[in-house]
């Protein structure tokens, strides 16, 4: 998807970005996100990478906290299940997965309050919890943009 936006874009060439998310990208539980289809033919890892990197780029341009945007953006869908399969989970995926993602992320990573807010509130306005930071809004909207681009 990022190639469609900018064919010259190569994430791994962005050394600052890679240094910010290196521990996330190389974590076995995060790598497991590649096993879950998310939007269309895009897996959860790819989607999270798209959201994270675009959030990072926009945050840098807007002089926001690009560290929190990139890290929170990568972990926003860290729920680790196939949401297409019906199971015993209570509630609809769109309303509940942000809490599951935050719970999973907190078990593995040391998160700032801003990163927690980004993860928990990325589904606003579907989730009624209002984002507390500009970076939370940014990731929320980048997530929606990426989802649309991934489907079409």
Protein backbone atom coordinates (compact mmCIF):
# COMPACT_ATOMS: atom_id res chain seq x y z
CA UNK A 1 0.00 0.00 0.00
CA UNK A 2 2.77 2.46 0.83
CA UNK A 3 4.26 1.78 -2.59
CA UNK A 4 1.00 2.95 -4.18
CA UNK A 5 1.21 6.19 -2.23
CA UNK A 6 4.89 6.77 -3.00
CA UNK A 7 6.71 4.21 -5.18
CA UNK A 8 10.11 5.46 -3.97
CA UNK A 9 9.25 4.92 -0.30
CA UNK A 10 11.32 2.26 1.46
CA UNK A 11 10.68 2.06 5.18
CA UNK A 12 13.84 0.15 6.04
CA UNK A 13 15.91 3.03 4.62
CA UNK A 14 14.50 5.34 7.28
CA UNK A 15 17.00 4.61 10.05
CA UNK A 16 15.38 6.88 12.63
CA UNK A 17 12.00 5.21 12.18
CA UNK A 18 13.54 1.75 12.32
CA UNK A 19 15.37 2.63 15.55
CA UNK A 20 12.07 3.72 17.14
CA UNK A 21 10.21 0.50 16.35
CA UNK A 22 13.04 -2.06 16.22
CA UNK A 23 12.04 -3.78 19.48
CA UNK A 24 8.43 -3.96 18.29
CA UNK A 25 9.11 -5.23 14.76
CA UNK A 26 11.44 -7.96 16.05
CA UNK A 27 9.21 -9.16 18.89
CA UNK A 28 7.87 -12.71 18.25
CA UNK A 29 4.32 -11.80 19.33
CA UNK A 30 4.29 -8.86 16.93
CA UNK A 31 5.70 -11.02 14.14
CA UNK A 32 2.76 -13.37 14.83
CA UNK A 33 0.47 -10.58 13.61
CA UNK A 34 1.47 -11.68 10.09
CA UNK A 35 -0.78 -14.73 10.61
CA UNK A 36 -3.97 -12.68 10.85
CA UNK A 37 -5.69 -11.18 7.82
CA UNK A 38 -6.85 -7.69 8.64
CA UNK A 39 -8.21 -5.70 5.69
CA UNK A 40 -8.69 -7.38 2.33
CA UNK A 41 -5.46 -9.27 1.63
CA UNK A 42 -3.38 -7.23 4.09
CA UNK A 43 -2.31 -8.92 7.32
CA UNK A 44 -2.36 -7.23 10.70
CA UNK A 45 1.43 -6.73 10.76
CA UNK A 46 1.44 -4.98 7.36
CA UNK A 47 -1.51 -2.79 8.33
CA UNK A 48 0.16 -1.82 11.59
CA UNK A 49 3.40 -1.02 9.77
CA UNK A 50 1.50 1.20 7.31
CA UNK A 51 -0.30 3.06 10.13
CA UNK A 52 2.88 3.39 12.16
CA UNK A 53 5.07 4.71 9.37
CA UNK A 54 2.53 7.17 7.95
CA UNK A 55 1.81 8.41 11.48
CA UNK A 56 5.55 8.83 12.06
CA UNK A 57 6.00 10.79 8.82
CA UNK A 58 3.02 13.07 9.48
CA UNK A 59 4.03 13.60 13.11
CA UNK A 60 7.50 14.69 12.05
CA UNK A 61 6.04 17.09 9.49
CA UNK A 62 3.59 18.51 12.06
CA UNK A 63 6.25 18.68 14.81
CA UNK A 64 4.37 16.22 17.02
CA UNK A 65 5.72 13.36 19.13
CA UNK A 66 6.72 11.03 16.30
CA UNK A 67 8.11 8.45 18.73
CA UNK A 68 4.73 7.90 20.39
CA UNK A 69 2.91 8.06 17.05
CA UNK A 70 5.13 5.41 15.50
CA UNK A 71 5.12 3.06 18.51
CA UNK A 72 1.45 3.49 19.43
CA UNK A 73 0.56 3.26 15.75
CA UNK A 74 2.33 -0.06 15.40
CA UNK A 75 0.61 -1.54 18.47
CA UNK A 76 -2.89 -0.15 17.87
CA UNK A 77 -4.17 -3.50 16.50
CA UNK A 78 -2.09 -5.84 18.66
CA UNK A 79 -5.09 -8.02 19.57
CA UNK A 80 -3.64 -11.34 18.25
CA UNK A 81 -6.73 -13.17 17.01
CA UNK A 82 -8.61 -13.58 13.73
CA UNK A 83 -11.52 -11.20 14.09
CA UNK A 84 -13.26 -12.81 11.11
CA UNK A 85 -13.93 -16.00 13.10
CA UNK A 86 -16.87 -15.99 15.51
CA UNK A 87 -15.93 -17.12 19.00
CA UNK A 88 -16.79 -16.60 22.65
CA UNK A 89 -15.41 -13.05 22.83
CA UNK A 90 -17.87 -10.63 24.35
CA UNK A 91 -18.75 -7.66 22.21
CA UNK A 92 -18.10 -6.76 18.62
CA UNK A 93 -14.49 -6.57 17.45
CA UNK A 94 -14.70 -2.90 16.44
CA UNK A 95 -15.76 -1.94 19.95
CA UNK A 96 -13.48 -4.22 21.96
CA UNK A 97 -10.17 -4.85 20.20
CA UNK A 98 -8.50 -1.63 21.34
CA UNK A 99 -8.69 -2.79 24.97
CA UNK A 100 -7.32 -6.21 24.00
CA UNK A 101 -4.52 -4.55 22.02
CA UNK A 102 -3.55 -2.36 24.97
CA UNK A 103 -3.63 -5.32 27.37
CA UNK A 104 -1.34 -7.34 25.09
CA UNK A 105 1.03 -4.41 24.49
CA UNK A 106 1.35 -3.64 28.22
CA UNK A 107 2.44 -7.23 28.91
CA UNK A 108 5.45 -6.87 26.62
CA UNK A 109 6.36 -3.21 26.14
CA UNK A 110 6.97 -0.27 28.45
CA UNK A 111 4.41 2.23 27.12
CA UNK A 112 4.09 5.94 27.73
CA UNK A 113 0.70 7.38 28.67
CA UNK A 114 0.47 8.85 25.17
CA UNK A 115 1.15 5.47 23.53
CA UNK A 116 -1.53 3.88 25.73
CA UNK A 117 -3.99 6.58 24.70
CA UNK A 118 -3.15 6.06 21.01
CA UNK A 119 -3.82 2.31 21.27
CA UNK A 120 -6.95 2.57 23.41
CA UNK A 121 -8.65 5.37 21.47
CA UNK A 122 -7.71 4.65 17.86
CA UNK A 123 -11.28 3.52 17.08
CA UNK A 124 -12.85 6.87 17.99
CA UNK A 125 -15.67 7.75 17.35
CA UNK A 126 -16.79 4.09 17.29
CA UNK A 127 -15.33 3.82 20.77
CA UNK A 128 -16.71 6.78 22.67
CA UNK A 129 -13.44 7.41 24.53
CA UNK A 130 -12.20 10.76 23.22
CA UNK A 131 -8.48 10.92 22.27
CA UNK A 132 -6.45 12.96 24.78
CA UNK A 133 -3.51 13.83 22.51
CA UNK A 134 -2.99 15.22 19.02
CA UNK A 135 -0.99 12.10 18.23
CA UNK A 136 -3.98 9.93 19.20
CA UNK A 137 -6.17 11.81 16.72
CA UNK A 138 -3.50 11.54 14.06
CA UNK A 139 -3.13 7.76 14.42
CA UNK A 140 -6.92 7.39 14.55
CA UNK A 141 -7.31 9.12 11.19
CA UNK A 142 -4.25 7.49 9.61
CA UNK A 143 -5.69 4.10 10.62
CA UNK A 144 -8.93 4.87 8.80
CA UNK A 145 -7.08 6.17 5.75
CA UNK A 146 -4.90 3.04 5.60
CA UNK A 147 -7.93 0.75 6.02
CA UNK A 148 -9.64 2.41 3.06
CA UNK A 149 -6.49 2.21 0.90
CA UNK A 150 -5.98 -1.45 1.85
CA UNK A 151 -9.51 -2.43 0.82
CA UNK A 152 -9.48 -0.51 -2.45
